[in-house]
């Protein structure tokens, strides 16, 4: 089994791991209800996408009956 000839310094080890940091997911606000959503996706709160009604929520269908 191979063994390193020299100890890897803290700086070199941390530089190697600098790309492993987590990134924050980009979010936008829904134009209809103002809920926070991921871009280019249907809003889970109101069911709109680009200003058009795409889906119906379970809560809305219960209140309509």
Foldseek 3Di string as FASTA:
>chain_A
DDDDPDDDDPVNVCVVCVVVDDDDQDWDADPPPRDIDHPPDADPVCCDDPRHRDDHDPVVVVVVD
